[in-house]
Protein backbone atom coordinates (compact mmCIF):
# COMPACT_ATOMS: atom_id res chain seq x y z
CA MET A 1 92.49 97.37 108.02
CA ASN A 2 95.02 97.85 105.26
CA PHE A 3 96.52 100.97 103.66
CA THR A 4 98.20 101.00 100.27
CA ILE A 5 100.04 104.00 98.81
CA GLU A 6 99.36 104.22 95.09
CA LYS A 7 101.09 107.36 93.80
CA LYS A 8 103.51 109.86 95.33
CA CYS A 9 104.05 113.46 94.28
CA GLU A 10 107.64 114.00 93.12
CA ASN A 11 108.03 117.50 94.58
CA SER A 12 106.08 117.21 97.82
CA GLN A 13 104.91 114.65 100.37
CA ALA A 14 101.46 114.38 98.76
CA ARG A 15 100.30 110.87 97.94
CA THR A 16 97.21 108.94 96.94
CA GLY A 17 96.24 105.72 98.63
CA LYS A 18 93.51 103.25 99.45
CA LEU A 19 92.43 102.45 102.99
CA GLN A 20 90.51 99.20 103.24
CA THR A 21 88.04 98.70 106.10
CA ASP A 22 85.37 96.07 106.69
CA HIS A 23 82.75 98.68 105.74
CA GLY A 24 84.38 99.65 102.48
CA GLU A 25 87.37 101.21 100.76
CA ILE A 26 88.43 104.83 101.27
CA GLU A 27 90.44 106.71 98.65
CA THR A 28 92.93 109.15 100.11
CA PRO A 29 93.46 112.03 100.51
CA ILE A 30 89.91 112.28 101.83
CA PHE A 31 87.69 114.68 103.74
CA MET A 32 85.32 113.15 106.30
CA PRO A 33 81.99 114.93 106.95
CA VAL A 34 81.29 115.36 110.65
CA GLY A 35 78.17 113.63 111.99
CA THR A 36 78.46 114.74 115.61
CA GLN A 37 75.24 113.24 116.97
CA GLY A 38 74.68 110.47 114.45
CA THR A 39 73.83 112.87 111.64
CA VAL A 40 75.63 115.15 109.24
CA LYS A 41 73.35 118.11 109.92
CA GLY A 42 70.66 118.62 107.29
CA ILE A 43 71.78 115.77 105.03
CA TYR A 44 70.14 112.39 104.45
CA GLN A 45 72.42 109.34 104.47
CA SER A 46 71.34 108.64 100.88
CA GLN A 47 72.57 112.12 99.89
CA LEU A 48 75.85 111.52 101.67
CA LYS A 49 76.37 108.34 99.73
CA ASN A 50 74.94 109.15 96.30
CA ASP A 51 75.24 112.92 95.88
CA ILE A 52 78.14 114.04 98.07
CA LYS A 53 79.88 110.66 97.62
CA ALA A 54 81.21 110.63 101.17
CA GLN A 55 83.43 107.61 101.76
CA ILE A 56 83.60 107.86 105.56
CA ILE A 57 81.84 109.97 108.19
CA LEU A 58 82.52 110.86 111.83
CA GLY A 59 80.62 110.33 115.06
CA ASN A 60 81.31 112.05 118.37
CA THR A 61 81.88 109.90 121.46
CA TYR A 62 81.02 112.61 123.99
CA HIS A 63 77.71 113.58 122.35
CA LEU A 64 76.60 110.03 121.53
CA TYR A 65 77.43 108.90 125.05
CA LEU A 66 75.14 111.60 126.49
CA ARG A 67 72.42 111.23 123.84
CA PRO A 68 70.99 108.80 122.84
CA GLY A 69 73.27 106.78 125.15
CA ILE A 70 75.39 103.75 124.44
CA ASP A 71 72.78 101.27 125.72
CA LEU A 72 70.42 102.18 122.90
CA ILE A 73 73.23 102.20 120.32
CA GLU A 74 74.29 98.73 121.45
CA LYS A 75 70.70 97.50 121.33
CA ALA A 76 70.47 98.77 117.76
CA GLY A 77 73.58 96.79 116.80
CA GLY A 78 76.06 99.69 116.72
CA LEU A 79 76.09 103.16 115.22
CA HIS A 80 76.13 101.93 111.61
CA LYS A 81 72.78 100.20 112.04
CA PHE A 82 71.32 102.86 114.33
CA ILE A 83 71.78 105.62 111.73
CA GLY A 84 71.44 103.50 108.59
CA TRP A 85 74.94 104.08 107.22
CA ASP A 86 76.81 101.12 105.74
CA GLY A 87 80.10 102.89 105.03
CA PRO A 88 83.11 103.37 107.30
CA ILE A 89 82.79 105.49 110.46
CA LEU A 90 85.43 107.13 112.63
CA THR A 91 84.78 108.32 116.19
CA ASP A 92 86.80 110.76 118.24
CA SER A 93 87.41 109.91 121.90
CA GLY A 94 85.77 112.90 123.54
CA GLY A 95 89.09 114.60 124.24
CA TYR A 96 88.29 117.66 122.17
CA GLN A 97 84.95 118.15 123.90
CA VAL A 98 86.75 117.94 127.22
CA TYR A 99 89.01 120.73 125.95
CA SER A 100 86.02 122.85 124.98
CA LEU A 101 84.33 122.38 128.39
CA SER A 102 87.13 124.18 130.22
CA ASN A 103 84.79 125.66 132.85
CA MET A 104 82.87 122.40 133.42
CA ARG A 105 85.59 119.77 133.86
CA LYS A 106 88.52 118.64 135.97
CA ILE A 107 91.49 116.77 134.54
CA THR A 108 93.52 114.30 136.63
CA GLU A 109 95.86 111.43 135.83
CA GLU A 110 92.91 109.05 136.10
CA GLY A 111 90.84 110.87 133.51
CA VAL A 112 88.36 113.72 133.25
CA SER A 113 85.32 114.45 135.39
CA PHE A 114 82.86 116.83 133.78
CA LYS A 115 79.32 118.14 133.85
CA SER A 116 77.02 117.53 130.92
CA HIS A 117 76.34 120.65 128.86
CA ILE A 118 72.77 119.35 128.53
CA ASP A 119 71.57 118.95 132.11
CA GLY A 120 74.58 119.46 134.37
CA SER A 121 74.79 115.79 135.33
CA LYS A 122 78.23 114.53 136.39
CA HIS A 123 80.25 112.06 134.33
CA VAL A 124 83.75 110.62 134.08
CA LEU A 125 85.80 109.79 130.99
CA SER A 126 89.02 107.84 131.36
CA PRO A 127 91.15 106.11 128.73
CA GLU A 128 89.42 102.82 129.58
CA ILE A 129 85.89 104.26 129.59
CA ALA A 130 86.44 106.17 126.32
CA THR A 131 87.72 102.97 124.70
CA ASP A 132 84.77 100.94 126.02
CA ILE A 133 82.27 103.53 124.75
CA GLN A 134 83.83 103.48 121.29
CA ARG A 135 83.75 99.69 121.29
CA VAL A 136 79.99 99.88 121.82
CA ILE A 137 79.49 102.67 119.28
CA GLY A 138 81.31 100.41 116.86
CA ALA A 139 83.23 102.79 114.60
CA ASP A 140 85.76 101.24 112.23
CA ILE A 141 88.44 103.67 113.43
CA ILE A 142 88.45 104.86 117.04
CA MET A 143 90.66 107.44 118.74
CA ALA A 144 92.84 107.19 121.81
CA PHE A 145 91.75 109.41 124.70
CA ASP A 146 93.90 112.54 124.83
CA GLU A 147 94.03 116.06 126.17
CA CYS A 148 93.82 118.77 123.53
CA THR A 149 95.80 121.77 124.77
CA PRO A 150 94.65 125.33 124.00
CA TYR A 151 96.51 127.96 122.01
CA PRO A 152 98.51 129.72 123.23
CA CYS A 153 99.82 127.19 125.70
CA GLU A 154 102.82 127.49 128.04
CA TYR A 155 105.63 125.06 127.27
CA GLU A 156 105.61 123.28 130.62
CA TYR A 157 101.85 122.74 130.51
CA ALA A 158 102.06 121.43 126.95
CA LYS A 159 104.83 119.02 127.98
CA ARG A 160 102.96 117.72 131.04
CA SER A 161 99.80 117.30 128.99
CA MET A 162 101.63 115.49 126.18
CA ASN A 163 103.28 113.05 128.58
CA MET A 164 99.93 112.34 130.23
CA THR A 165 98.38 111.78 126.79
CA HIS A 166 101.14 109.22 126.11
CA ARG A 167 100.35 107.44 129.38
CA TRP A 168 96.67 107.52 128.50
CA LEU A 169 97.50 106.04 125.09
CA LYS A 170 99.14 103.04 126.75
CA ARG A 171 96.01 102.53 128.88
CA CYS A 172 93.76 102.85 125.82
CA LEU A 173 95.78 100.25 123.93
CA ASP A 174 95.85 97.89 126.90
CA ARG A 175 92.06 98.13 127.20
CA PHE A 176 91.56 97.81 123.45
CA HIS A 177 93.71 94.69 123.17
CA SER A 178 92.17 93.07 126.24
CA THR A 179 88.59 93.41 124.94
CA ASP A 180 86.77 91.87 121.99
CA HIS A 181 85.01 93.55 119.12
CA ASN A 182 81.35 94.08 119.96
CA TYR A 183 80.24 93.38 116.40
CA ASP A 184 81.26 91.21 113.45
CA TYR A 185 83.85 93.54 111.94
CA PHE A 186 87.31 94.86 112.72
CA GLN A 187 88.07 98.04 114.67
CA THR A 188 91.41 99.81 114.97
CA LEU A 189 92.63 102.41 117.47
CA ALA A 190 94.64 105.46 116.45
CA PRO A 191 97.21 107.20 118.68
CA ILE A 192 97.07 111.01 118.66
CA VAL A 193 100.19 113.16 118.41
CA GLN A 194 100.10 116.22 120.68
CA GLY A 195 102.67 118.84 121.75
CA SER A 196 101.04 122.19 120.96
CA THR A 197 103.20 124.35 118.66
CA TYR A 198 106.56 123.29 120.14
CA THR A 199 108.80 121.50 117.65
CA ASP A 200 110.65 119.37 120.21
CA LEU A 201 107.39 118.23 121.84
CA ARG A 202 105.82 117.38 118.50
CA LYS A 203 108.89 115.31 117.59
CA ASP A 204 108.81 113.52 120.93
CA SER A 205 105.11 112.79 120.61
CA ALA A 206 105.37 111.57 117.03
CA LYS A 207 108.16 109.19 118.04
CA ALA A 208 106.25 107.97 121.10
CA CYS A 209 103.13 107.28 119.05
CA SER A 210 105.13 105.58 116.28
CA ASP A 211 106.60 103.18 118.83
CA HIS A 212 103.15 101.61 119.27
CA GLU A 213 103.03 100.43 115.63
CA ALA A 214 99.39 101.36 115.02
CA LEU A 215 97.55 100.94 111.73
CA ILE A 216 96.72 104.67 111.54
CA TYR A 217 98.00 107.80 113.28
CA ALA A 218 96.24 111.05 114.13
CA ILE A 219 97.60 114.55 114.73
CA GLY A 220 95.62 116.55 117.27
CA GLY A 221 95.86 119.88 119.03
CA LEU A 222 96.08 121.96 115.85
CA SER A 223 93.50 124.27 114.30
CA VAL A 224 92.72 125.56 117.81
CA GLY A 225 93.54 129.20 117.11
CA GLU A 226 97.19 129.12 116.06
CA PRO A 227 98.28 130.87 112.83
CA ALA A 228 98.04 128.67 109.76
CA GLU A 229 101.80 128.80 109.23
CA GLU A 230 102.40 127.31 112.67
CA MET A 231 99.90 124.55 111.92
CA TYR A 232 101.74 123.75 108.68
CA GLU A 233 105.11 123.82 110.44
CA MET A 234 103.98 121.37 113.13
CA THR A 235 102.30 119.13 110.57
CA GLU A 236 105.50 118.93 108.54
CA VAL A 237 107.53 118.09 111.65
CA VAL A 238 105.18 115.25 112.55
CA THR A 239 104.71 113.71 109.10
CA ALA A 240 108.48 113.49 108.74
CA ILE A 241 108.52 111.09 111.72
CA LEU A 242 105.29 109.08 111.49
CA PRO A 243 105.56 105.80 109.53
CA ILE A 244 105.37 106.60 105.85
CA ARG A 245 103.26 103.56 104.97
CA LYS A 246 100.48 104.33 107.45
CA PRO A 247 97.68 106.88 106.93
CA ARG A 248 97.94 110.23 108.74
CA TYR A 249 94.79 111.94 109.97
CA LEU A 250 94.91 115.67 110.80
CA MET A 251 92.06 116.28 113.21
CA GLY A 252 89.69 119.23 112.90
CA VAL A 253 91.24 120.79 109.79
CA GLY A 254 90.00 122.94 108.09
CA THR A 255 89.54 125.45 105.25
CA PRO A 256 89.94 124.31 101.63
CA ALA A 257 93.35 126.03 101.56
CA ASN A 258 94.37 124.24 104.79
CA LEU A 259 93.48 120.89 103.24
CA LEU A 260 95.47 121.50 100.08
CA GLU A 261 98.56 122.75 101.93
CA CYS A 262 98.48 119.81 104.34
CA ILE A 263 98.03 117.25 101.57
CA ALA A 264 101.34 118.56 100.25
CA LEU A 265 102.82 117.84 103.70
CA GLY A 266 101.74 114.19 103.62
CA ILE A 267 98.30 114.22 105.29
CA ASP A 268 95.79 111.63 104.08
CA MET A 269 92.61 112.29 106.08
CA PHE A 270 90.78 115.38 107.33
CA ASP A 271 87.60 116.31 109.16
CA CYS A 272 86.07 119.65 110.10
CA VAL A 273 82.65 121.11 110.91
CA MET A 274 83.45 124.15 108.76
CA PRO A 275 81.61 123.20 105.55
CA THR A 276 78.39 122.34 107.41
CA ARG A 277 78.56 125.03 110.09
CA ASN A 278 79.44 127.80 107.64
CA ALA A 279 76.68 126.65 105.30
CA ARG A 280 74.12 127.22 108.03
CA HIS A 281 75.34 130.81 108.23
CA GLY A 282 75.18 131.35 104.48
CA LEU A 283 78.92 131.06 103.77
CA LEU A 284 79.66 129.03 100.66
CA PHE A 285 82.93 127.56 99.44
CA THR A 286 83.07 127.56 95.63
CA SER A 287 85.55 126.79 92.87
CA GLU A 288 86.07 130.54 92.37
CA GLY A 289 86.19 131.63 96.00
CA ILE A 290 84.13 132.28 99.12
CA ILE A 291 80.59 133.65 98.90
CA ASN A 292 78.50 135.15 101.69
CA ILE A 293 75.14 134.42 100.12
CA LYS A 294 73.40 136.79 102.54
CA ASN A 295 75.06 139.80 100.93
CA ALA A 296 72.87 142.09 98.81
CA LYS A 297 75.14 141.65 95.76
CA TRP A 298 73.63 138.19 95.19
CA LYS A 299 69.99 139.29 95.46
CA GLU A 300 69.41 139.32 91.69
CA ASP A 301 72.25 137.04 90.60
CA LEU A 302 70.59 134.36 88.46
CA SER A 303 73.79 132.44 87.73
CA PRO A 304 74.27 128.92 89.15
CA ILE A 305 75.71 128.62 92.65
CA ASP A 306 78.75 126.83 91.20
CA LYS A 307 78.65 125.32 87.72
CA ASN A 308 82.11 123.79 88.15
CA ILE A 309 81.20 121.10 90.67
CA ASN A 310 79.08 118.05 90.03
CA CYS A 311 76.16 118.87 92.31
CA TYR A 312 72.49 119.16 91.29
CA THR A 313 71.92 121.95 93.80
CA SER A 314 74.98 123.93 92.69
CA ASN A 315 74.28 123.52 88.97
CA ASN A 316 70.50 123.94 88.89
CA HIS A 317 69.75 126.61 91.49
CA THR A 318 70.79 130.22 91.39
CA LYS A 319 72.55 132.36 93.93
CA ALA A 320 69.47 134.59 94.06
CA TYR A 321 67.20 131.66 94.90
CA LEU A 322 69.49 130.34 97.63
CA ARG A 323 69.79 133.85 99.10
CA HIS A 324 66.00 134.11 99.11
CA LEU A 325 65.68 130.81 100.99
CA ILE A 326 68.31 131.79 103.55
CA HIS A 327 66.71 135.20 104.15
CA THR A 328 63.26 133.69 104.64
CA ASN A 329 64.61 131.07 107.04
CA GLU A 330 63.47 128.19 104.84
CA MET A 331 64.98 124.87 105.94
CA LEU A 332 65.65 124.04 102.30
CA GLY A 333 68.13 126.89 102.09
CA LEU A 334 70.26 125.46 104.89
CA GLN A 335 70.09 122.00 103.33
CA MET A 336 71.08 123.30 99.90
CA ALA A 337 74.01 125.28 101.27
CA THR A 338 75.21 122.26 103.27
CA LEU A 339 74.89 119.94 100.30
CA HIS A 340 76.84 122.38 98.16
CA ASN A 341 79.68 122.89 100.64
CA LEU A 342 80.17 119.20 101.36
CA THR A 343 80.12 118.35 97.67
CA PHE A 344 82.72 121.03 97.04
CA TYR A 345 84.99 119.63 99.77
CA LEU A 346 84.69 116.05 98.51
CA GLU A 347 85.26 117.07 94.89
CA LEU A 348 88.28 119.13 95.93
CA MET A 349 89.74 115.94 97.41
CA GLU A 350 88.90 114.03 94.23
CA MET A 351 90.67 116.68 92.15
CA ALA A 352 93.68 116.54 94.46
CA ARG A 353 93.91 112.78 93.95
CA GLU A 354 93.69 113.22 90.19
CA LYS A 355 96.41 115.87 90.11
CA ILE A 356 98.75 113.73 92.23
CA ARG A 357 98.22 110.82 89.84
CA GLU A 358 98.86 113.11 86.85
CA GLY A 359 102.05 114.48 88.40
CA CYS A 360 100.95 118.13 88.47
CA PHE A 361 99.65 118.50 92.03
CA LEU A 362 101.90 121.34 93.22
CA LYS A 363 101.17 123.64 90.26
CA TRP A 364 97.44 122.99 90.60
CA LYS A 365 97.55 123.44 94.39
CA THR A 366 99.22 126.84 94.09
CA GLU A 367 96.51 128.04 91.72
CA MET A 368 93.65 126.57 93.77
CA VAL A 369 94.84 127.95 97.12
CA LYS A 370 94.65 131.47 95.66
CA LYS A 371 91.15 130.85 94.31
CA VAL A 372 89.59 129.20 97.35
CA GLN A 373 90.81 131.99 99.64
CA THR A 374 89.34 134.78 97.50
CA ARG A 375 86.30 136.59 98.92
CA LEU A 376 83.81 137.14 96.12
């Protein structure tokens, strides 16, 4: 894997780049649609590639391990072949799901024992097991096993957790480097910076992760309930330390405004369930602001959903029609809303890249942040 920085913003840390993987090239900054269980909900792979123009998607280690199981994925030849996606894939390690199962798991130095949310069966994830599972899944970029701390989090707990995450990182790397690729392409493992919202811990973690000289670095433990300003502050602290010539991935972030602000802080890659999850609840992100399509004000609105983005659904169907579909529980309505939101996110990233190249990113960002936060 190789990352090349193409253009830097003069007045911020924003930059454009190209990340080369064996499954294709990724232009950064980029948003990665989340395909938790081997699918970006409601969207065909052909739509992801041709309409949304997704360059990389995510899979979830915890969910894929439970269903359909890694034996079947391995038999299929890896996740790419199992789901029919020939572009790059990134998998998380299961650490975030462990965080979300707070009443169904136990964390020790060895790893995490937990009960399946599906049937209550007992399982164990350790740094070695999480690495082995991701080897079988076969993502191009895999994550180190970590503990994601909640917000708020006491300082001493955050410090103990961070130090354990660093020890787990060493075990992940040892396992990764002592095993072979399962398939005929290259995989790389990303360390994850933790430390909650404590500046000294974030600095320590960023330095500890940087010492491992990885090809890509991730920032975890943010967007878990903390105010946006604290997320930005911690992101800025970390990006100032991580190697400048390696891509930075901010995990689980976020709103369109979050993405734009964090691009200015030097982030290259994002993922979040927000565009797909919100779409299923009728919440649309548009070039003029946020729309709750369920509201009565759109009942007779025959204007396009969003004429400013390059999406057949957004240009050729009206707000009134989409509202009708959502209110009658038609599957097409959920698909259309999802297609629209993901296209908006990917085109927002494309516009950000263009503005960085043109040298006017900060002015454009300031204007766009105001727009994308407006409730229409």
